[in-house]
Amino acid sequence: MRVLALDLGSKRIGVAVSDRTGTVASPLVVLERTGSRAHDHRRITELVRNEEAELVVVGMPWSLSGRRGRAAEGARAEAQALATVVGVPVDTYDERFSTVTAERALAEMDVRGPARRKVVDKVAAAVILQGYLDSRAAGRP
């Protein structure tokens, strides 16, 4: 099963996609927010179709204590809205530390400054997706 993952931010949306076996996640693209959620969701819907995704995973920014704060409520609401337009099921996955993990990986590859800012969101989406895929393979929810 091919899966598309989203790291929803206020300015950008990081997007990653799995291989067709649903085993390996790869960064795909960073979408700049347009100011219109409907327009942004149409672009995501196009990616779902173009990538032949059968599932969308939205990263949930839980607090460190595991509680659902303001950011998580916003992500949950956006995931629910996406579910009405993308044409495939939408699931959520804990994204705590995904951006930190992505930043560290990029630093290890010596990607700096503007180059890092251009890709960190899609790398964070790949971190979210790989965690989701690994947890499914291990039989965890």
Protein backbone atom coordinates (compact mmCIF):
# COMPACT_ATOMS: atom_id res chain seq x y z
CA MET A 1 0.00 0.00 0.00
CA ARG A 2 1.36 3.41 -1.00
CA VAL A 3 1.01 6.01 1.76
CA LEU A 4 1.35 9.80 1.65
CA ALA A 5 2.31 11.62 4.87
CA LEU A 6 1.89 15.25 5.80
CA ASP A 7 3.76 17.44 8.26
CA LEU A 8 1.29 20.29 8.60
CA GLY A 9 2.79 23.65 9.43
CA SER A 10 1.34 27.13 9.47
CA LYS A 11 3.52 28.25 6.53
CA ARG A 12 4.49 24.99 4.82
CA ILE A 13 3.30 21.40 4.45
CA GLY A 14 5.96 18.75 4.23
CA VAL A 15 4.98 15.76 2.13
CA ALA A 16 6.51 12.29 2.00
CA VAL A 17 5.48 9.11 0.21
CA SER A 18 6.14 5.44 0.74
CA ASP A 19 7.24 2.93 -1.81
CA ARG A 20 4.50 0.69 -3.25
CA THR A 21 5.11 -1.98 -0.61
CA GLY A 22 4.52 0.50 2.21
CA THR A 23 7.95 -0.20 3.67
CA VAL A 24 10.22 2.79 2.97
CA ALA A 25 9.38 6.50 3.30
CA SER A 26 10.93 9.17 1.09
CA PRO A 27 10.62 12.96 1.21
CA LEU A 28 8.52 14.20 -1.70
CA VAL A 29 7.84 17.94 -1.70
CA VAL A 30 7.21 21.01 0.43
CA LEU A 31 4.00 22.89 -0.30
CA GLU A 32 3.88 26.56 0.65
CA ARG A 33 0.61 27.44 2.36
CA THR A 34 -1.50 29.69 0.12
CA GLY A 35 -3.76 31.19 2.77
CA SER A 36 -6.66 29.12 1.45
CA ARG A 37 -7.12 25.77 3.18
CA ALA A 38 -9.41 24.63 0.35
CA HIS A 39 -6.71 25.39 -2.22
CA ASP A 40 -4.05 23.65 -0.14
CA HIS A 41 -6.29 20.60 0.20
CA ARG A 42 -6.86 20.50 -3.56
CA ARG A 43 -3.07 20.39 -4.06
CA ILE A 44 -2.82 17.55 -1.54
CA THR A 45 -5.64 15.73 -3.33
CA GLU A 46 -3.69 16.06 -6.60
CA LEU A 47 -0.63 14.55 -4.93
CA VAL A 48 -2.72 11.67 -3.59
CA ARG A 49 -3.91 10.96 -7.13
CA ASN A 50 -0.54 11.48 -8.83
CA GLU A 51 1.29 9.29 -6.32
CA GLU A 52 -1.52 6.71 -6.32
CA ALA A 53 -1.67 6.85 -2.54
CA GLU A 54 -4.19 4.64 -0.78
CA LEU A 55 -3.86 6.33 2.60
CA VAL A 56 -2.87 9.74 3.98
CA VAL A 57 -1.13 10.04 7.36
CA VAL A 58 -1.18 13.39 9.13
CA GLY A 59 1.43 14.09 11.80
CA MET A 60 -0.12 14.94 15.16
CA PRO A 61 1.90 17.40 17.26
CA TRP A 62 1.11 15.96 20.70
CA SER A 63 2.63 17.75 23.66
CA LEU A 64 5.58 16.10 25.39
CA SER A 65 3.18 14.91 28.09
CA GLY A 66 1.05 13.22 25.43
CA ARG A 67 -1.82 15.66 25.73
CA ARG A 68 -3.60 17.23 22.82
CA GLY A 69 -2.84 20.95 22.82
CA ARG A 70 -3.86 23.73 20.47
CA ALA A 71 -1.56 22.57 17.63
CA ALA A 72 -2.83 18.99 17.87
CA GLU A 73 -6.45 20.19 17.83
CA GLY A 74 -5.69 22.17 14.68
CA ALA A 75 -4.02 19.18 13.03
CA ARG A 76 -6.93 16.91 14.02
CA ALA A 77 -9.43 19.36 12.53
CA GLU A 78 -7.41 19.65 9.33
CA ALA A 79 -7.07 15.85 9.10
CA GLN A 80 -10.85 15.56 9.39
CA ALA A 81 -11.33 18.18 6.67
CA LEU A 82 -8.81 16.41 4.42
CA ALA A 83 -10.70 13.15 4.88
CA THR A 84 -13.69 14.71 3.13
CA VAL A 85 -11.75 15.65 -0.01
CA VAL A 86 -8.75 13.39 -0.67
CA GLY A 87 -10.73 10.29 -1.63
CA VAL A 88 -8.71 7.88 0.57
CA PRO A 89 -8.69 7.18 4.31
CA VAL A 90 -6.82 9.64 6.55
CA ASP A 91 -5.00 8.45 9.66
CA THR A 92 -2.90 10.32 12.22
CA TYR A 93 0.46 9.54 13.80
CA ASP A 94 2.45 11.07 16.65
CA GLU A 95 4.95 13.51 15.18
CA ARG A 96 6.78 14.48 18.38
CA PHE A 97 10.46 15.03 17.60
CA SER A 98 10.03 14.56 13.82
CA THR A 99 11.40 18.02 13.01
CA VAL A 100 14.23 17.61 15.53
CA THR A 101 15.10 14.25 13.97
CA ALA A 102 14.96 15.78 10.48
CA GLU A 103 17.15 18.73 11.54
CA ARG A 104 19.74 16.36 13.00
CA ALA A 105 19.80 14.18 9.90
CA LEU A 106 20.26 17.22 7.67
CA ALA A 107 23.01 18.55 9.94
CA GLU A 108 24.81 15.21 9.72
CA MET A 109 24.63 15.50 5.92
CA ASP A 110 26.06 19.03 6.27
CA VAL A 111 22.93 20.67 4.79
CA ARG A 112 22.87 24.22 6.15
CA GLY A 113 20.98 27.50 6.12
CA PRO A 114 18.54 28.18 3.30
CA ALA A 115 19.07 24.73 1.77
CA ARG A 116 18.01 23.11 5.06
CA ARG A 117 14.94 25.31 5.42
CA LYS A 118 13.80 24.28 1.93
CA VAL A 119 13.78 20.56 2.75
CA VAL A 120 13.32 20.13 6.51
CA ASP A 121 9.52 19.89 6.29
CA LYS A 122 9.51 17.08 3.74
CA VAL A 123 12.24 15.25 5.66
CA ALA A 124 10.12 15.61 8.82
CA ALA A 125 7.16 14.16 6.88
CA ALA A 126 9.37 11.21 5.90
CA VAL A 127 10.32 10.71 9.58
CA ILE A 128 6.62 10.67 10.49
CA LEU A 129 5.81 8.27 7.68
CA GLN A 130 8.67 5.89 8.46
CA GLY A 131 7.55 5.74 12.09
CA TYR A 132 3.99 5.03 10.97
CA LEU A 133 5.09 2.30 8.55
CA ASP A 134 7.39 0.70 11.13
CA SER A 135 4.68 0.68 13.79
CA ARG A 136 2.22 -0.96 11.38
CA ALA A 137 4.80 -3.58 10.41
CA ALA A 138 5.32 -4.31 14.13
CA GLY A 139 1.55 -4.62 14.63
CA ARG A 140 1.26 -1.49 16.80
CA PRO A 141 -1.53 1.05 16.30
